[in-house]
Amino acid sequence: MEFQALSEVRPGHRVRLVSINGGRRFTRRMLSLGLSVGNELDVLHRRGRGVVVGKDGNRVALGGNVAEKLLTEVVR
């Protein structure tokens, strides 16, 4: 499988979160947004490096610096 940062994934793809590359505080912040390793996310929109992802009917907007720290693999 090929892994890539969430900021590089095109809209319309479903991805699985493989790794959160940040400290304890950053990881906790991602968990509070409902993003944890193993989750599948739909990439809904991208502007620059920022992304909007959907999970279970909820949408989360992530800035480019955050999206670069989330390593994913494309599911479909």
N, C-alpha and C. Protein backbone atom coordinates (compact mmCIF):
# COMPACT_ATOMS: atom_id res chain seq x y z
N MET A 1 0.83 -1.19 0.00
CA MET A 1 0.00 0.00 0.00
C MET A 1 0.87 1.25 0.00
N GLU A 2 0.35 2.27 -0.64
CA GLU A 2 1.07 3.54 -0.69
C GLU A 2 0.44 4.50 0.31
N PHE A 3 1.25 5.06 1.19
CA PHE A 3 0.77 6.00 2.19
C PHE A 3 1.04 7.42 1.71
N GLN A 4 0.12 8.33 2.04
CA GLN A 4 0.33 9.74 1.70
C GLN A 4 -0.34 10.62 2.75
N ALA A 5 0.16 11.84 2.84
CA ALA A 5 -0.43 12.80 3.78
C ALA A 5 -1.85 13.13 3.34
N LEU A 6 -2.71 13.38 4.29
CA LEU A 6 -4.10 13.72 3.99
C LEU A 6 -4.19 14.95 3.10
N SER A 7 -3.24 15.87 3.24
CA SER A 7 -3.24 17.10 2.44
C SER A 7 -3.02 16.82 0.96
N GLU A 8 -2.57 15.62 0.59
CA GLU A 8 -2.29 15.28 -0.81
C GLU A 8 -3.40 14.47 -1.47
N VAL A 9 -4.40 14.04 -0.70
CA VAL A 9 -5.47 13.19 -1.24
C VAL A 9 -6.51 14.04 -1.95
N ARG A 10 -6.92 13.60 -3.13
CA ARG A 10 -7.92 14.34 -3.91
C ARG A 10 -9.33 14.08 -3.36
N PRO A 11 -10.20 15.07 -3.50
CA PRO A 11 -11.59 14.89 -3.09
C PRO A 11 -12.25 13.72 -3.83
N GLY A 12 -13.16 13.05 -3.14
CA GLY A 12 -13.86 11.92 -3.74
C GLY A 12 -13.29 10.57 -3.32
N HIS A 13 -12.14 10.58 -2.67
CA HIS A 13 -11.52 9.34 -2.22
C HIS A 13 -11.89 9.04 -0.77
N ARG A 14 -11.94 7.77 -0.45
CA ARG A 14 -12.10 7.33 0.94
C ARG A 14 -10.72 6.85 1.39
N VAL A 15 -10.30 7.28 2.57
CA VAL A 15 -8.98 6.93 3.08
C VAL A 15 -9.09 6.34 4.48
N ARG A 16 -8.08 5.59 4.86
CA ARG A 16 -7.97 5.06 6.23
C ARG A 16 -6.80 5.79 6.88
N LEU A 17 -7.02 6.29 8.07
CA LEU A 17 -5.97 6.99 8.82
C LEU A 17 -4.99 5.95 9.37
N VAL A 18 -3.73 6.08 8.96
CA VAL A 18 -2.70 5.10 9.32
C VAL A 18 -1.84 5.58 10.47
N SER A 19 -1.56 6.88 10.51
CA SER A 19 -0.65 7.40 11.53
C SER A 19 -0.94 8.87 11.79
N ILE A 20 -0.79 9.27 13.04
CA ILE A 20 -0.89 10.67 13.44
C ILE A 20 0.51 11.09 13.88
N ASN A 21 1.15 11.94 13.08
CA ASN A 21 2.53 12.35 13.34
C ASN A 21 2.56 13.65 14.12
N GLY A 22 2.41 13.54 15.40
CA GLY A 22 2.43 14.71 16.27
C GLY A 22 2.60 14.26 17.70
N GLY A 23 2.71 15.21 18.57
CA GLY A 23 2.88 14.91 19.99
C GLY A 23 1.58 14.47 20.65
N ARG A 24 1.66 14.27 21.94
CA ARG A 24 0.51 13.81 22.71
C ARG A 24 -0.65 14.80 22.63
N ARG A 25 -0.35 16.08 22.74
CA ARG A 25 -1.39 17.11 22.70
C ARG A 25 -2.10 17.13 21.34
N PHE A 26 -1.32 17.02 20.25
CA PHE A 26 -1.90 17.01 18.90
C PHE A 26 -2.77 15.76 18.71
N THR A 27 -2.27 14.62 19.17
CA THR A 27 -3.03 13.37 19.04
C THR A 27 -4.35 13.46 19.80
N ARG A 28 -4.31 14.02 21.00
CA ARG A 28 -5.54 14.20 21.78
C ARG A 28 -6.52 15.13 21.06
N ARG A 29 -6.00 16.17 20.43
CA ARG A 29 -6.86 17.10 19.68
C ARG A 29 -7.55 16.35 18.54
N MET A 30 -6.81 15.50 17.85
CA MET A 30 -7.40 14.73 16.75
C MET A 30 -8.47 13.76 17.28
N LEU A 31 -8.19 13.14 18.41
CA LEU A 31 -9.18 12.24 19.03
C LEU A 31 -10.45 12.99 19.41
N SER A 32 -10.30 14.23 19.88
CA SER A 32 -11.47 15.02 20.26
C SER A 32 -12.32 15.39 19.04
N LEU A 33 -11.69 15.40 17.86
CA LEU A 33 -12.42 15.66 16.62
C LEU A 33 -13.00 14.38 16.03
N GLY A 34 -12.73 13.25 16.67
CA GLY A 34 -13.24 11.97 16.19
C GLY A 34 -12.32 11.29 15.20
N LEU A 35 -11.06 11.74 15.12
CA LEU A 35 -10.10 11.16 14.18
C LEU A 35 -9.08 10.33 14.94
N SER A 36 -9.09 9.03 14.69
CA SER A 36 -8.11 8.15 15.32
C SER A 36 -7.60 7.15 14.29
N VAL A 37 -6.46 6.55 14.56
CA VAL A 37 -5.85 5.60 13.65
C VAL A 37 -6.83 4.45 13.40
N GLY A 38 -7.00 4.11 12.14
CA GLY A 38 -7.90 3.05 11.74
C GLY A 38 -9.23 3.56 11.21
N ASN A 39 -9.57 4.82 11.49
CA ASN A 39 -10.82 5.40 10.99
C ASN A 39 -10.78 5.55 9.47
N GLU A 40 -11.94 5.37 8.85
CA GLU A 40 -12.06 5.65 7.43
C GLU A 40 -12.75 7.00 7.27
N LEU A 41 -12.21 7.83 6.38
CA LEU A 41 -12.71 9.18 6.17
C LEU A 41 -12.97 9.40 4.69
N ASP A 42 -13.97 10.20 4.38
CA ASP A 42 -14.23 10.62 3.00
C ASP A 42 -13.64 12.01 2.83
N VAL A 43 -12.81 12.19 1.81
CA VAL A 43 -12.25 13.50 1.51
C VAL A 43 -13.28 14.23 0.66
N LEU A 44 -13.88 15.27 1.23
CA LEU A 44 -14.99 15.96 0.59
C LEU A 44 -14.56 17.17 -0.23
N HIS A 45 -13.59 17.91 0.29
CA HIS A 45 -13.19 19.16 -0.36
C HIS A 45 -11.74 19.46 -0.01
N ARG A 46 -11.07 20.11 -0.92
CA ARG A 46 -9.68 20.50 -0.65
C ARG A 46 -9.44 21.87 -1.25
N ARG A 47 -8.81 22.73 -0.48
CA ARG A 47 -8.40 24.05 -0.96
C ARG A 47 -6.98 24.27 -0.49
N GLY A 48 -6.07 24.35 -1.44
CA GLY A 48 -4.65 24.42 -1.08
C GLY A 48 -4.27 23.13 -0.39
N ARG A 49 -3.71 23.23 0.79
CA ARG A 49 -3.35 22.03 1.55
C ARG A 49 -4.43 21.67 2.57
N GLY A 50 -5.38 22.56 2.80
CA GLY A 50 -6.46 22.30 3.75
C GLY A 50 -7.47 21.32 3.18
N VAL A 51 -8.14 20.58 4.05
CA VAL A 51 -9.09 19.57 3.61
C VAL A 51 -10.34 19.58 4.49
N VAL A 52 -11.45 19.17 3.90
CA VAL A 52 -12.67 18.90 4.66
C VAL A 52 -12.92 17.41 4.51
N VAL A 53 -13.02 16.72 5.65
CA VAL A 53 -13.26 15.28 5.63
C VAL A 53 -14.60 14.99 6.29
N GLY A 54 -15.21 13.89 5.89
CA GLY A 54 -16.47 13.48 6.46
C GLY A 54 -16.33 12.11 7.10
N LYS A 55 -17.02 11.95 8.25
CA LYS A 55 -16.99 10.67 8.96
C LYS A 55 -18.32 10.54 9.70
N ASP A 56 -19.06 9.49 9.38
CA ASP A 56 -20.33 9.22 10.06
C ASP A 56 -21.29 10.40 10.04
N GLY A 57 -21.37 11.09 8.91
CA GLY A 57 -22.30 12.20 8.78
C GLY A 57 -21.80 13.53 9.32
N ASN A 58 -20.62 13.55 9.90
CA ASN A 58 -20.03 14.79 10.42
C ASN A 58 -18.91 15.25 9.50
N ARG A 59 -18.72 16.55 9.43
CA ARG A 59 -17.64 17.12 8.63
C ARG A 59 -16.65 17.82 9.54
N VAL A 60 -15.37 17.69 9.18
CA VAL A 60 -14.31 18.35 9.94
C VAL A 60 -13.39 19.05 8.95
N ALA A 61 -13.16 20.34 9.16
CA ALA A 61 -12.23 21.10 8.32
C ALA A 61 -10.87 21.12 9.01
N LEU A 62 -9.84 20.75 8.26
CA LEU A 62 -8.48 20.70 8.80
C LEU A 62 -7.57 21.59 7.96
N GLY A 63 -6.78 22.40 8.64
CA GLY A 63 -5.83 23.25 7.94
C GLY A 63 -4.69 22.43 7.35
N GLY A 64 -3.92 23.04 6.49
CA GLY A 64 -2.83 22.36 5.81
C GLY A 64 -1.78 21.77 6.73
N ASN A 65 -1.40 22.51 7.77
CA ASN A 65 -0.38 22.00 8.70
C ASN A 65 -0.87 20.76 9.44
N VAL A 66 -2.14 20.73 9.77
CA VAL A 66 -2.72 19.56 10.45
C VAL A 66 -2.81 18.39 9.47
N ALA A 67 -3.35 18.65 8.28
CA ALA A 67 -3.55 17.59 7.28
C ALA A 67 -2.23 16.94 6.87
N GLU A 68 -1.13 17.69 6.91
CA GLU A 68 0.17 17.12 6.56
C GLU A 68 0.67 16.12 7.59
N LYS A 69 0.17 16.21 8.82
CA LYS A 69 0.62 15.33 9.89
C LYS A 69 -0.19 14.04 9.98
N LEU A 70 -1.22 13.90 9.14
CA LEU A 70 -2.07 12.73 9.14
C LEU A 70 -1.74 11.85 7.94
N LEU A 71 -1.17 10.69 8.19
CA LEU A 71 -0.77 9.77 7.13
C LEU A 71 -1.92 8.82 6.83
N THR A 72 -2.23 8.65 5.55
CA THR A 72 -3.40 7.86 5.15
C THR A 72 -3.04 6.86 4.05
N GLU A 73 -3.97 5.92 3.84
CA GLU A 73 -3.91 5.05 2.66
C GLU A 73 -5.28 5.10 2.00
N VAL A 74 -5.29 5.13 0.68
CA VAL A 74 -6.55 5.21 -0.05
C VAL A 74 -7.24 3.84 -0.01
N VAL A 75 -8.52 3.86 0.35
CA VAL A 75 -9.32 2.63 0.41
C VAL A 75 -10.01 2.42 -0.92
N ARG A 76 -10.58 3.47 -1.49
CA ARG A 76 -11.20 3.41 -2.82
C ARG A 76 -11.17 4.78 -3.47
